[in-house]
Amino acid sequence: MLDQADTFIAQHHPNHIGTRQISANTFAVQIKPKTATFFTSLQLGVFTLDNAKYWYLNYICNFMYKCLDRKRFHFVLANTDSIYIAIADDPAKDCHQQFEAIVTDKQFYYQHVNQYFLDSNKGIYDYKRILGFGIENKGYELTSLGPKCYSMIVHKWSNEKQQYEFKPKITFKALEQLHIDWHAIWKAIFEAGIKFACESKLCK
């Protein structure tokens, strides 16, 4: 039931079906109810999202904070099913060392690490186990604009090519259709970051 002014607005709504006048300034307006189509049950979607958040917190609080040096790792971003972490490891080694250089409690680490990460002795079945963590990518530098929009340097400086090798992941379709050289953009962002760090107190 609406007055004349609200009825006028409602009649221009795309879901408007019909209007019937009840009195001089009262109208019965019928609007098609909003509908949504789900191919996955809503309970499953909510459970998956909430469950992922629970396991993130479980992993962070019950494992990382108990055995790793908190000053030497940083959470860059998190998505529904992934976490991006920057680690200040041993600079003399490559990026495949994982948490080795920042472990503070080695006994706790080696006792519980296989509860979260894959056990190399068990192969692919352990890697794909339910609620297990798998490492997809490793690199030397991660620049992130947001979830699913990041660039990672996967190899150190190449003297032969005079450039870094980037692994960009830009999934916005509108951006992909622009045919832009993302390597040049990420390189410029990276170089600007180095220049800023060197001019500020970070390098002094």
C-alpha atoms as a PDB file:
ATOM      1  CA  MET A   1       0.000   0.000   0.000  1.00  0.00           C
ATOM      2  CA  LEU A   2       1.573   3.273  -1.134  1.00  0.00           C
ATOM      3  CA  ASP A   3       0.631   6.931  -1.469  1.00  0.00           C
ATOM      4  CA  GLN A   4       0.551   8.726  -4.825  1.00  0.00           C
ATOM      5  CA  ALA A   5       4.222   9.863  -4.762  1.00  0.00           C
ATOM      6  CA  ASP A   6       5.603   6.432  -3.820  1.00  0.00           C
ATOM      7  CA  THR A   7       3.294   4.760  -6.360  1.00  0.00           C
ATOM      8  CA  PHE A   8       4.732   6.935  -9.130  1.00  0.00           C
ATOM      9  CA  ILE A   9       8.257   5.823  -8.185  1.00  0.00           C
ATOM     10  CA  ALA A  10       7.247   2.151  -7.853  1.00  0.00           C
ATOM     11  CA  GLN A  11       5.659   2.101 -11.323  1.00  0.00           C
ATOM     12  CA  HIS A  12       9.045   2.890 -12.858  1.00  0.00           C
ATOM     13  CA  HIS A  13      10.733  -0.030 -11.107  1.00  0.00           C
ATOM     14  CA  PRO A  14      11.688  -2.883 -13.479  1.00  0.00           C
ATOM     15  CA  ASN A  15       9.932  -5.424 -11.222  1.00  0.00           C
ATOM     16  CA  HIS A  16       6.590  -3.543 -11.286  1.00  0.00           C
ATOM     17  CA  ILE A  17       3.629  -5.788 -12.208  1.00  0.00           C
ATOM     18  CA  GLY A  18       0.473  -3.735 -11.615  1.00  0.00           C
ATOM     19  CA  THR A  19      -1.268  -0.951  -9.656  1.00  0.00           C
ATOM     20  CA  ARG A  20      -4.833  -0.618  -8.330  1.00  0.00           C
ATOM     21  CA  GLN A  21      -6.276   2.548  -6.761  1.00  0.00           C
ATOM     22  CA  ILE A  22      -7.897   1.921  -3.383  1.00  0.00           C
ATOM     23  CA  SER A  23      -8.820   5.497  -2.429  1.00  0.00           C
ATOM     24  CA  ALA A  24      -7.951   9.072  -3.450  1.00  0.00           C
ATOM     25  CA  ASN A  25      -4.350   8.808  -2.176  1.00  0.00           C
ATOM     26  CA  THR A  26      -3.878   5.082  -1.542  1.00  0.00           C
ATOM     27  CA  PHE A  27      -2.708   2.546  -4.129  1.00  0.00           C
ATOM     28  CA  ALA A  28      -2.068  -1.178  -4.018  1.00  0.00           C
ATOM     29  CA  VAL A  29       1.156  -1.788  -5.970  1.00  0.00           C
ATOM     30  CA  GLN A  30       2.233  -5.285  -6.968  1.00  0.00           C
ATOM     31  CA  ILE A  31       5.953  -5.814  -7.490  1.00  0.00           C
ATOM     32  CA  LYS A  32       7.570  -9.026  -8.653  1.00  0.00           C
ATOM     33  CA  PRO A  33       9.624 -10.420  -5.767  1.00  0.00           C
ATOM     34  CA  LYS A  34      13.384 -10.584  -6.194  1.00  0.00           C
ATOM     35  CA  THR A  35      14.696 -14.044  -6.954  1.00  0.00           C
ATOM     36  CA  ALA A  36      18.115 -15.623  -7.070  1.00  0.00           C
ATOM     37  CA  THR A  37      19.344 -18.864  -8.602  1.00  0.00           C
ATOM     38  CA  PHE A  38      21.882 -21.003  -6.737  1.00  0.00           C
ATOM     39  CA  PHE A  39      23.733 -23.934  -8.215  1.00  0.00           C
ATOM     40  CA  THR A  40      25.408 -24.627  -4.865  1.00  0.00           C
ATOM     41  CA  SER A  41      23.418 -24.812  -1.682  1.00  0.00           C
ATOM     42  CA  LEU A  42      23.642 -21.666   0.430  1.00  0.00           C
ATOM     43  CA  GLN A  43      24.554 -23.673   3.537  1.00  0.00           C
ATOM     44  CA  LEU A  44      27.531 -25.205   1.730  1.00  0.00           C
ATOM     45  CA  GLY A  45      28.756 -21.811   0.504  1.00  0.00           C
ATOM     46  CA  VAL A  46      28.528 -20.245   3.959  1.00  0.00           C
ATOM     47  CA  PHE A  47      30.128 -23.305   5.575  1.00  0.00           C
ATOM     48  CA  THR A  48      33.021 -23.280   3.092  1.00  0.00           C
ATOM     49  CA  LEU A  49      33.729 -19.593   3.651  1.00  0.00           C
ATOM     50  CA  ASP A  50      33.428 -19.776   7.432  1.00  0.00           C
ATOM     51  CA  ASN A  51      35.371 -23.023   7.571  1.00  0.00           C
ATOM     52  CA  ALA A  52      38.258 -21.490   5.603  1.00  0.00           C
ATOM     53  CA  LYS A  53      38.402 -18.560   8.047  1.00  0.00           C
ATOM     54  CA  TYR A  54      38.428 -20.975  10.971  1.00  0.00           C
ATOM     55  CA  TRP A  55      41.340 -22.973   9.546  1.00  0.00           C
ATOM     56  CA  TYR A  56      43.266 -19.779   8.773  1.00  0.00           C
ATOM     57  CA  LEU A  57      42.969 -18.718  12.402  1.00  0.00           C
ATOM     58  CA  ASN A  58      43.770 -22.225  13.618  1.00  0.00           C
ATOM     59  CA  TYR A  59      46.923 -22.324  11.477  1.00  0.00           C
ATOM     60  CA  ILE A  60      48.024 -18.801  12.435  1.00  0.00           C
ATOM     61  CA  CYS A  61      47.331 -18.941  16.183  1.00  0.00           C
ATOM     62  CA  ASN A  62      48.133 -22.581  16.932  1.00  0.00           C
ATOM     63  CA  PHE A  63      51.140 -22.992  14.655  1.00  0.00           C
ATOM     64  CA  MET A  64      52.714 -19.835  13.215  1.00  0.00           C
ATOM     65  CA  TYR A  65      52.550 -17.664  16.331  1.00  0.00           C
ATOM     66  CA  LYS A  66      53.878 -20.467  18.542  1.00  0.00           C
ATOM     67  CA  CYS A  67      57.013 -21.420  16.631  1.00  0.00           C
ATOM     68  CA  LEU A  68      57.899 -18.635  14.169  1.00  0.00           C
ATOM     69  CA  ASP A  69      59.484 -15.220  14.688  1.00  0.00           C
ATOM     70  CA  ARG A  70      56.538 -12.814  14.329  1.00  0.00           C
ATOM     71  CA  LYS A  71      58.790  -9.924  13.315  1.00  0.00           C
ATOM     72  CA  ARG A  72      59.988 -11.774  10.213  1.00  0.00           C
ATOM     73  CA  PHE A  73      56.747 -12.607   8.408  1.00  0.00           C
ATOM     74  CA  HIS A  74      53.834 -10.513   7.190  1.00  0.00           C
ATOM     75  CA  PHE A  75      50.389 -11.399   5.844  1.00  0.00           C
ATOM     76  CA  VAL A  76      50.080  -9.680   2.475  1.00  0.00           C
ATOM     77  CA  LEU A  77      46.513 -10.725   1.668  1.00  0.00           C
ATOM     78  CA  ALA A  78      44.050 -13.581   2.011  1.00  0.00           C
ATOM     79  CA  ASN A  79      41.402 -14.977  -0.285  1.00  0.00           C
ATOM     80  CA  THR A  80      38.665 -17.556   0.279  1.00  0.00           C
ATOM     81  CA  ASP A  81      41.065 -20.478  -0.008  1.00  0.00           C
ATOM     82  CA  SER A  82      44.565 -18.993   0.038  1.00  0.00           C
ATOM     83  CA  ILE A  83      46.947 -16.893   2.130  1.00  0.00           C
ATOM     84  CA  TYR A  84      49.839 -14.802   0.810  1.00  0.00           C
ATOM     85  CA  ILE A  85      52.710 -14.405   3.279  1.00  0.00           C
ATOM     86  CA  ALA A  86      55.930 -12.380   2.944  1.00  0.00           C
ATOM     87  CA  ILE A  87      58.840 -13.955   4.850  1.00  0.00           C
ATOM     88  CA  ALA A  88      62.193 -12.340   5.740  1.00  0.00           C
ATOM     89  CA  ASP A  89      64.318 -15.456   5.225  1.00  0.00           C
ATOM     90  CA  ASP A  90      68.050 -15.994   4.920  1.00  0.00           C
ATOM     91  CA  PRO A  91      69.185 -13.706   2.031  1.00  0.00           C
ATOM     92  CA  ALA A  92      72.016 -16.090   1.125  1.00  0.00           C
ATOM     93  CA  LYS A  93      69.510 -18.800   0.093  1.00  0.00           C
ATOM     94  CA  ASP A  94      66.859 -18.837  -2.620  1.00  0.00           C
ATOM     95  CA  CYS A  95      63.107 -18.396  -2.142  1.00  0.00           C
ATOM     96  CA  HIS A  96      62.413 -22.136  -1.673  1.00  0.00           C
ATOM     97  CA  GLN A  97      63.541 -22.273   1.969  1.00  0.00           C
ATOM     98  CA  GLN A  98      60.004 -21.678   3.372  1.00  0.00           C
ATOM     99  CA  PHE A  99      60.081 -21.035   7.156  1.00  0.00           C
ATOM    100  CA  GLU A 100      63.507 -22.569   7.933  1.00  0.00           C
ATOM    101  CA  ALA A 101      65.255 -19.298   8.826  1.00  0.00           C
ATOM    102  CA  ILE A 102      62.515 -17.878  11.066  1.00  0.00           C
ATOM    103  CA  VAL A 103      61.715 -20.918  13.238  1.00  0.00           C
ATOM    104  CA  THR A 104      62.126 -20.043  16.927  1.00  0.00           C
ATOM    105  CA  ASP A 105      60.885 -23.309  18.478  1.00  0.00           C
ATOM    106  CA  LYS A 106      62.312 -26.090  16.306  1.00  0.00           C
ATOM    107  CA  GLN A 107      60.924 -28.934  18.441  1.00  0.00           C
ATOM    108  CA  PHE A 108      57.347 -27.610  18.213  1.00  0.00           C
ATOM    109  CA  TYR A 109      57.783 -26.830  14.496  1.00  0.00           C
ATOM    110  CA  TYR A 110      58.946 -30.305  13.476  1.00  0.00           C
ATOM    111  CA  GLN A 111      56.411 -31.971  15.755  1.00  0.00           C
ATOM    112  CA  HIS A 112      53.419 -30.177  14.163  1.00  0.00           C
ATOM    113  CA  VAL A 113      54.485 -29.098  10.662  1.00  0.00           C
ATOM    114  CA  ASN A 114      53.060 -32.209   8.963  1.00  0.00           C
ATOM    115  CA  GLN A 115      49.636 -31.572  10.495  1.00  0.00           C
ATOM    116  CA  TYR A 116      49.354 -28.540   8.199  1.00  0.00           C
ATOM    117  CA  PHE A 117      51.796 -28.968   5.326  1.00  0.00           C
ATOM    118  CA  LEU A 118      52.302 -31.933   3.071  1.00  0.00           C
ATOM    119  CA  ASP A 119      54.623 -34.731   4.063  1.00  0.00           C
ATOM    120  CA  SER A 120      57.093 -35.244   1.212  1.00  0.00           C
ATOM    121  CA  ASN A 121      57.313 -38.956   2.047  1.00  0.00           C
ATOM    122  CA  LYS A 122      53.607 -39.562   1.357  1.00  0.00           C
ATOM    123  CA  GLY A 123      53.343 -38.033  -2.127  1.00  0.00           C
ATOM    124  CA  ILE A 124      50.303 -36.609  -3.917  1.00  0.00           C
ATOM    125  CA  TYR A 125      47.722 -38.239  -1.611  1.00  0.00           C
ATOM    126  CA  ASP A 126      49.003 -36.261   1.341  1.00  0.00           C
ATOM    127  CA  TYR A 127      49.254 -33.069  -0.746  1.00  0.00           C
ATOM    128  CA  LYS A 128      45.547 -33.271  -1.680  1.00  0.00           C
ATOM    129  CA  ARG A 129      44.259 -34.254   1.753  1.00  0.00           C
ATOM    130  CA  ILE A 130      41.261 -32.453   3.238  1.00  0.00           C
ATOM    131  CA  LEU A 131      42.162 -29.365   5.332  1.00  0.00           C
ATOM    132  CA  GLY A 132      45.819 -29.598   4.340  1.00  0.00           C
ATOM    133  CA  PHE A 133      47.977 -26.709   3.137  1.00  0.00           C
ATOM    134  CA  GLY A 134      49.838 -26.800  -0.144  1.00  0.00           C
ATOM    135  CA  ILE A 135      52.334 -24.226  -1.411  1.00  0.00           C
ATOM    136  CA  GLU A 136      51.458 -23.133  -4.941  1.00  0.00           C
ATOM    137  CA  ASN A 137      53.971 -20.366  -5.670  1.00  0.00           C
ATOM    138  CA  LYS A 138      57.225 -19.050  -4.231  1.00  0.00           C
ATOM    139  CA  GLY A 139      58.997 -15.885  -5.239  1.00  0.00           C
ATOM    140  CA  TYR A 140      61.310 -13.063  -4.195  1.00  0.00           C
ATOM    141  CA  GLU A 141      58.876 -10.146  -4.267  1.00  0.00           C
ATOM    142  CA  LEU A 142      55.082  -9.901  -4.102  1.00  0.00           C
ATOM    143  CA  THR A 143      53.142  -6.799  -5.097  1.00  0.00           C
ATOM    144  CA  SER A 144      49.414  -7.011  -4.460  1.00  0.00           C
ATOM    145  CA  LEU A 145      46.584  -4.662  -5.347  1.00  0.00           C
ATOM    146  CA  GLY A 146      43.989  -7.026  -3.900  1.00  0.00           C
ATOM    147  CA  PRO A 147      42.816 -10.665  -4.017  1.00  0.00           C
ATOM    148  CA  LYS A 148      43.497 -12.316  -7.372  1.00  0.00           C
ATOM    149  CA  CYS A 149      45.361  -9.215  -8.546  1.00  0.00           C
ATOM    150  CA  TYR A 150      49.050  -9.566  -7.741  1.00  0.00           C
ATOM    151  CA  SER A 151      52.464  -9.915  -9.324  1.00  0.00           C
ATOM    152  CA  MET A 152      55.317 -12.054  -8.046  1.00  0.00           C
ATOM    153  CA  ILE A 153      59.007 -12.033  -8.960  1.00  0.00           C
ATOM    154  CA  VAL A 154      59.817 -15.728  -9.314  1.00  0.00           C
ATOM    155  CA  HIS A 155      63.486 -15.400 -10.326  1.00  0.00           C
ATOM    156  CA  LYS A 156      66.250 -13.040  -9.269  1.00  0.00           C
ATOM    157  CA  TRP A 157      67.758 -10.424 -11.551  1.00  0.00           C
ATOM    158  CA  SER A 158      68.824 -11.865 -14.890  1.00  0.00           C
ATOM    159  CA  ASN A 159      72.070 -10.312 -16.156  1.00  0.00           C
ATOM    160  CA  GLU A 160      71.432 -11.881 -19.530  1.00  0.00           C
ATOM    161  CA  LYS A 161      67.973 -10.361 -20.000  1.00  0.00           C
ATOM    162  CA  GLN A 162      68.625  -7.338 -17.749  1.00  0.00           C
ATOM    163  CA  GLN A 163      65.252  -7.821 -16.050  1.00  0.00           C
ATOM    164  CA  TYR A 164      63.369  -9.748 -13.396  1.00  0.00           C
ATOM    165  CA  GLU A 165      61.022 -12.549 -14.374  1.00  0.00           C
ATOM    166  CA  PHE A 166      57.509 -11.715 -13.222  1.00  0.00           C
ATOM    167  CA  LYS A 167      54.539 -13.978 -12.671  1.00  0.00           C
ATOM    168  CA  PRO A 168      51.536 -11.652 -12.921  1.00  0.00           C
ATOM    169  CA  LYS A 169      48.067 -12.839 -12.006  1.00  0.00           C
ATOM    170  CA  ILE A 170      45.490 -10.333 -13.231  1.00  0.00           C
ATOM    171  CA  THR A 171      42.074 -11.974 -13.445  1.00  0.00           C
ATOM    172  CA  PHE A 172      39.778  -9.013 -14.069  1.00  0.00           C
ATOM    173  CA  LYS A 173      38.402  -9.616 -17.576  1.00  0.00           C
ATOM    174  CA  ALA A 174      38.146  -5.908 -18.358  1.00  0.00           C
ATOM    175  CA  LEU A 175      41.847  -5.464 -17.588  1.00  0.00           C
ATOM    176  CA  GLU A 176      42.846  -8.551 -19.575  1.00  0.00           C
ATOM    177  CA  GLN A 177      41.089  -7.222 -22.678  1.00  0.00           C
ATOM    178  CA  LEU A 178      43.167  -4.021 -22.665  1.00  0.00           C
ATOM    179  CA  HIS A 179      46.277  -5.895 -23.926  1.00  0.00           C
ATOM    180  CA  ILE A 180      48.599  -3.952 -21.623  1.00  0.00           C
ATOM    181  CA  ASP A 181      52.222  -4.968 -21.002  1.00  0.00           C
ATOM    182  CA  TRP A 182      51.823  -5.798 -17.296  1.00  0.00           C
ATOM    183  CA  HIS A 183      55.510  -6.720 -16.983  1.00  0.00           C
ATOM    184  CA  ALA A 184      56.469  -3.100 -17.647  1.00  0.00           C
ATOM    185  CA  ILE A 185      53.902  -1.810 -15.144  1.00  0.00           C
ATOM    186  CA  TRP A 186      54.918  -4.226 -12.367  1.00  0.00           C
ATOM    187  CA  LYS A 187      58.601  -3.482 -13.067  1.00  0.00           C
ATOM    188  CA  ALA A 188      57.898   0.258 -12.671  1.00  0.00           C
ATOM    189  CA  ILE A 189      56.029  -0.373  -9.400  1.00  0.00           C
ATOM    190  CA  PHE A 190      58.874  -2.532  -8.107  1.00  0.00           C
ATOM    191  CA  GLU A 191      61.541   0.028  -9.050  1.00  0.00           C
ATOM    192  CA  ALA A 192      59.500   2.828  -7.438  1.00  0.00           C
ATOM    193  CA  GLY A 193      59.271   0.729  -4.258  1.00  0.00           C
ATOM    194  CA  ILE A 194      63.057   0.239  -4.185  1.00  0.00           C
ATOM    195  CA  LYS A 195      63.641   3.958  -4.791  1.00  0.00           C
ATOM    196  CA  PHE A 196      61.224   4.884  -1.986  1.00  0.00           C
ATOM    197  CA  ALA A 197      62.856   2.392   0.409  1.00  0.00           C
ATOM    198  CA  CYS A 198      66.346   3.661  -0.365  1.00  0.00           C
ATOM    199  CA  GLU A 199      65.370   7.322   0.022  1.00  0.00           C
ATOM    200  CA  SER A 200      63.537   6.691   3.277  1.00  0.00           C
ATOM    201  CA  LYS A 201      64.881   5.391   6.586  1.00  0.00           C
ATOM    202  CA  LEU A 202      64.297   1.748   5.573  1.00  0.00           C
ATOM    203  CA  CYS A 203      67.771   1.379   4.036  1.00  0.00           C
ATOM    204  CA  LYS A 204      69.641   3.580   6.520  1.00  0.00           C
END
